[in-house]
Amino acid sequence: MWLSLPKIEPYRLPTSDELPSGRVDWRLDASRAALLVHDMQRYFLRPFAGAPVPDVIANIAALVDKCHERGVPVYYTAQPAKPPQGERGLQTDFWGEGMRAHVDADPGVADVVDELAPSDADTVLVKWRYSAFQRSDFAERLAAQGRDQLMITGVYAHIGCQATAQEAFMRDVRPFLVADAVADFSRERHDQACAYVAGVCGSVVDTAAAKDALTAPVPAAAL
């Protein structure tokens, strides 16, 4: 049984020509989109032995900057270091006590990494389960802002990022998984998450394409 995060060996991020073919031709639109920075906390990045984390952080930071420039809402998820007793639910069976086991030795273990620290204009959602929509008002916030597209970045691609994409789809929010702005236990897991999203619930893009789409006008016929 997994009771801690595995050590993650370096791997190369997928390039644009390695992304899976999708079933939809959705286009990002700055007036409809929001960005999610998923669980980019120190605790979740500690298992990585370097690559691809520096590139993922740089790509997410570039998207955050573009979203701020274009007036696109930016959301973060962050799991609490010491959730109230019993609030972890079944996650304890899979992952043990998580950050709670480390917070006394490292009080900043739950912090979002410095390079991606949320601004005052951003929204930080308390994260309770794999999907960012669970036990939060995320869906209501998106609806109130007229946002029905969600760019998903962060860790881990095949767990929380994929679960969030799937739930966004089921709530009629179009998910866009940004393939070079997520990271996972391995390149195999990373690719599996991209293939899953492209095949059943969303679109898979890279950072460059997402930035270009947020800048470019979208033809009415593509909406």
Protein backbone atom coordinates (compact mmCIF):
# COMPACT_ATOMS: atom_id res chain seq x y z
CA MET A 1 0.00 0.00 0.00
CA TRP A 2 1.21 3.56 -0.79
CA LEU A 3 1.65 5.46 2.45
CA SER A 4 3.97 8.18 1.19
CA LEU A 5 4.86 9.89 -2.04
CA PRO A 6 7.38 8.00 -4.18
CA LYS A 7 10.78 9.34 -5.16
CA ILE A 8 10.39 10.74 -8.67
CA GLU A 9 13.22 10.39 -11.15
CA PRO A 10 13.84 13.15 -13.70
CA TYR A 11 12.04 12.92 -17.01
CA ARG A 12 11.49 15.06 -20.09
CA LEU A 13 8.25 16.94 -20.60
CA PRO A 14 6.19 16.13 -23.72
CA THR A 15 6.69 18.44 -26.67
CA SER A 16 3.92 19.84 -28.85
CA ASP A 17 4.34 17.09 -31.46
CA GLU A 18 4.01 14.41 -28.77
CA LEU A 19 0.61 15.48 -27.48
CA PRO A 20 -2.26 13.03 -27.97
CA SER A 21 -4.84 13.66 -30.65
CA GLY A 22 -8.10 14.90 -29.22
CA ARG A 23 -11.75 14.32 -29.94
CA VAL A 24 -12.66 18.02 -29.81
CA ASP A 25 -11.38 21.20 -31.41
CA TRP A 26 -12.16 23.57 -28.55
CA ARG A 27 -10.35 26.92 -28.54
CA LEU A 28 -9.36 28.85 -25.48
CA ASP A 29 -10.92 32.28 -25.13
CA ALA A 30 -9.64 34.80 -22.57
CA SER A 31 -13.20 35.99 -21.90
CA ARG A 32 -14.35 32.48 -20.96
CA ALA A 33 -11.26 30.89 -19.39
CA ALA A 34 -9.85 30.52 -15.89
CA LEU A 35 -6.49 29.08 -14.81
CA LEU A 36 -6.02 26.50 -12.06
CA VAL A 37 -2.64 26.05 -10.36
CA HIS A 38 -3.16 22.70 -8.71
CA ASP A 39 -1.32 21.72 -5.49
CA MET A 40 2.01 23.39 -6.30
CA GLN A 41 2.98 23.17 -2.64
CA ARG A 42 6.45 22.44 -1.34
CA TYR A 43 5.35 19.08 0.06
CA PHE A 44 4.20 17.77 -3.30
CA LEU A 45 7.31 18.93 -5.14
CA ARG A 46 9.84 17.49 -2.66
CA PRO A 47 9.82 13.98 -4.24
CA PHE A 48 11.11 15.30 -7.58
CA ALA A 49 14.82 14.95 -8.29
CA GLY A 50 14.98 18.02 -10.50
CA ALA A 51 13.41 17.80 -13.94
CA PRO A 52 10.74 18.50 -14.96
CA VAL A 53 9.81 20.74 -12.01
CA PRO A 54 11.85 23.84 -12.97
CA ASP A 55 10.32 23.86 -16.46
CA VAL A 56 6.82 23.20 -15.12
CA ILE A 57 7.15 26.09 -12.66
CA ALA A 58 8.40 28.40 -15.42
CA ASN A 59 5.54 27.42 -17.72
CA ILE A 60 2.91 27.91 -15.01
CA ALA A 61 4.43 31.28 -14.11
CA ALA A 62 4.22 32.34 -17.77
CA LEU A 63 0.55 31.36 -17.87
CA VAL A 64 -0.17 33.19 -14.61
CA ASP A 65 1.44 36.34 -16.03
CA LYS A 66 -0.54 36.05 -19.25
CA CYS A 67 -3.78 35.53 -17.34
CA HIS A 68 -3.14 38.57 -15.15
CA GLU A 69 -2.43 40.58 -18.28
CA ARG A 70 -5.63 39.41 -19.98
CA GLY A 71 -7.94 39.61 -16.98
CA VAL A 72 -8.31 35.82 -16.74
CA PRO A 73 -9.08 34.62 -13.18
CA VAL A 74 -6.33 32.56 -11.53
CA TYR A 75 -7.19 29.93 -8.93
CA TYR A 76 -4.91 27.88 -6.70
CA THR A 77 -5.59 24.76 -4.71
CA ALA A 78 -3.69 24.15 -1.50
CA GLN A 79 -4.20 21.28 0.90
CA PRO A 80 -4.07 22.20 4.60
CA ALA A 81 -1.00 21.00 6.48
CA LYS A 82 -3.03 20.04 9.54
CA PRO A 83 -6.63 19.33 8.55
CA PRO A 84 -9.12 18.76 11.37
CA GLN A 85 -9.19 15.20 12.63
CA GLY A 86 -11.05 12.93 10.23
CA GLU A 87 -11.15 15.44 7.36
CA ARG A 88 -8.67 13.47 5.22
CA GLY A 89 -11.14 10.62 4.90
CA LEU A 90 -10.04 7.73 2.69
CA GLN A 91 -6.94 9.61 1.57
CA THR A 92 -5.30 8.46 4.79
CA ASP A 93 -5.65 4.83 3.66
CA PHE A 94 -3.71 5.60 0.47
CA TRP A 95 -1.28 8.34 1.53
CA GLY A 96 -1.01 8.21 5.31
CA GLU A 97 -1.02 11.49 7.21
CA GLY A 98 0.43 13.49 4.33
CA MET A 99 1.82 16.87 5.32
CA ARG A 100 0.78 16.47 8.95
CA ALA A 101 3.73 14.11 9.46
CA HIS A 102 6.18 16.79 8.28
CA VAL A 103 4.79 20.15 9.33
CA ASP A 104 6.44 20.26 12.78
CA ALA A 105 9.89 19.84 11.23
CA ASP A 106 9.08 22.07 8.24
CA PRO A 107 6.37 24.65 9.02
CA GLY A 108 6.36 25.89 5.41
CA VAL A 109 5.70 22.47 3.90
CA ALA A 110 2.19 23.48 2.79
CA ASP A 111 3.26 26.74 1.14
CA VAL A 112 2.91 27.23 -2.60
CA VAL A 113 6.44 27.45 -4.00
CA ASP A 114 7.83 30.99 -3.98
CA GLU A 115 7.98 31.28 -7.77
CA LEU A 116 4.22 30.79 -7.96
CA ALA A 117 3.08 32.56 -4.82
CA PRO A 118 -0.53 33.75 -5.31
CA SER A 119 -1.12 37.46 -5.71
CA ASP A 120 -3.82 39.37 -3.86
CA ALA A 121 -5.95 39.17 -7.01
CA ASP A 122 -5.86 35.37 -7.11
CA THR A 123 -8.15 32.93 -5.31
CA VAL A 124 -6.80 30.10 -3.15
CA LEU A 125 -9.19 27.18 -2.66
CA VAL A 126 -8.76 24.84 0.29
CA LYS A 127 -8.24 21.39 -1.21
CA TRP A 128 -9.93 18.43 0.49
CA ARG A 129 -9.99 15.68 -2.15
CA TYR A 130 -8.38 14.90 -5.51
CA SER A 131 -10.70 17.14 -7.52
CA ALA A 132 -10.59 20.89 -6.92
CA PHE A 133 -14.40 20.93 -7.18
CA GLN A 134 -14.99 18.64 -4.21
CA ARG A 135 -16.21 20.36 -1.02
CA SER A 136 -15.48 23.80 -2.45
CA ASP A 137 -17.38 26.60 -4.15
CA PHE A 138 -15.14 26.44 -7.21
CA ALA A 139 -17.97 25.69 -9.66
CA GLU A 140 -20.08 28.50 -8.27
CA ARG A 141 -17.21 30.96 -8.51
CA LEU A 142 -16.54 30.03 -12.14
CA ALA A 143 -20.22 30.38 -13.01
CA ALA A 144 -20.46 33.77 -11.31
CA GLN A 145 -17.52 34.97 -13.42
CA GLY A 146 -18.99 33.58 -16.63
CA ARG A 147 -16.12 31.11 -17.02
CA ASP A 148 -16.78 27.79 -18.75
CA GLN A 149 -13.20 26.92 -19.72
CA LEU A 150 -10.52 25.78 -17.27
CA MET A 151 -6.80 25.51 -17.92
CA ILE A 152 -5.33 22.94 -15.53
CA THR A 153 -1.70 23.01 -14.39
CA GLY A 154 0.22 21.57 -11.45
CA VAL A 155 0.66 18.17 -9.79
CA TYR A 156 -0.03 15.32 -9.98
CA ALA A 157 -1.27 14.89 -13.53
CA HIS A 158 -2.85 11.44 -13.20
CA ILE A 159 -4.40 12.11 -9.79
CA GLY A 160 -5.79 15.54 -8.92
CA CYS A 161 -5.30 17.20 -12.30
CA GLN A 162 -7.07 14.37 -14.12
CA ALA A 163 -9.82 14.16 -11.49
CA THR A 164 -10.41 17.91 -11.76
CA ALA A 165 -10.54 17.72 -15.56
CA GLN A 166 -13.06 14.91 -15.43
CA GLU A 167 -15.28 16.72 -12.94
CA ALA A 168 -15.05 19.98 -14.90
CA PHE A 169 -16.33 18.08 -17.94
CA MET A 170 -19.23 16.67 -15.95
CA ARG A 171 -20.12 20.21 -14.87
CA ASP A 172 -20.03 21.47 -18.49
CA VAL A 173 -16.79 23.36 -17.94
CA ARG A 174 -14.35 22.67 -20.78
CA PRO A 175 -11.02 21.46 -19.33
CA PHE A 176 -7.71 22.21 -21.04
CA LEU A 177 -4.86 20.17 -19.54
CA VAL A 178 -1.60 22.04 -20.18
CA ALA A 179 0.75 19.14 -20.86
CA ASP A 180 4.06 20.91 -20.20
CA ALA A 181 2.72 22.71 -17.12
CA VAL A 182 1.86 19.54 -15.17
CA ALA A 183 4.13 16.93 -13.60
CA ASP A 184 3.67 13.37 -12.40
CA PHE A 185 5.30 10.31 -10.86
CA SER A 186 6.85 9.41 -14.22
CA ARG A 187 6.67 10.25 -17.90
CA GLU A 188 4.50 7.16 -18.35
CA ARG A 189 1.96 8.41 -15.81
CA HIS A 190 2.18 11.89 -17.32
CA ASP A 191 1.40 10.59 -20.80
CA GLN A 192 -1.43 8.41 -19.48
CA ALA A 193 -3.10 11.44 -17.93
CA CYS A 194 -2.80 13.43 -21.15
CA ALA A 195 -4.21 10.55 -23.19
CA TYR A 196 -7.11 10.07 -20.80
CA VAL A 197 -8.13 13.72 -20.86
CA ALA A 198 -7.78 13.97 -24.64
CA GLY A 199 -9.80 10.81 -25.12
CA VAL A 200 -12.78 11.33 -22.84
CA CYS A 201 -13.15 14.71 -21.20
CA GLY A 202 -11.05 17.59 -22.51
CA SER A 203 -8.39 19.13 -24.66
CA VAL A 204 -4.62 18.82 -24.20
CA VAL A 205 -2.49 21.83 -25.11
CA ASP A 206 0.98 23.13 -24.38
CA THR A 207 1.96 26.41 -22.74
CA ALA A 208 2.83 28.19 -25.97
CA ALA A 209 -0.50 27.31 -27.57
CA ALA A 210 -2.43 28.35 -24.46
CA LYS A 211 -0.68 31.72 -24.30
CA ASP A 212 -1.27 32.33 -28.00
CA ALA A 213 -4.94 31.40 -27.68
CA LEU A 214 -5.45 33.74 -24.75
CA THR A 215 -4.01 36.60 -26.79
CA ALA A 216 -5.72 35.92 -30.12
CA PRO A 217 -9.35 36.79 -30.89
CA VAL A 218 -11.59 33.74 -31.31
CA PRO A 219 -13.80 33.57 -34.39
CA ALA A 220 -17.49 33.41 -33.51
CA ALA A 221 -17.86 30.17 -35.46
CA ALA A 222 -15.34 28.46 -33.14
CA LEU A 223 -17.20 29.29 -29.93
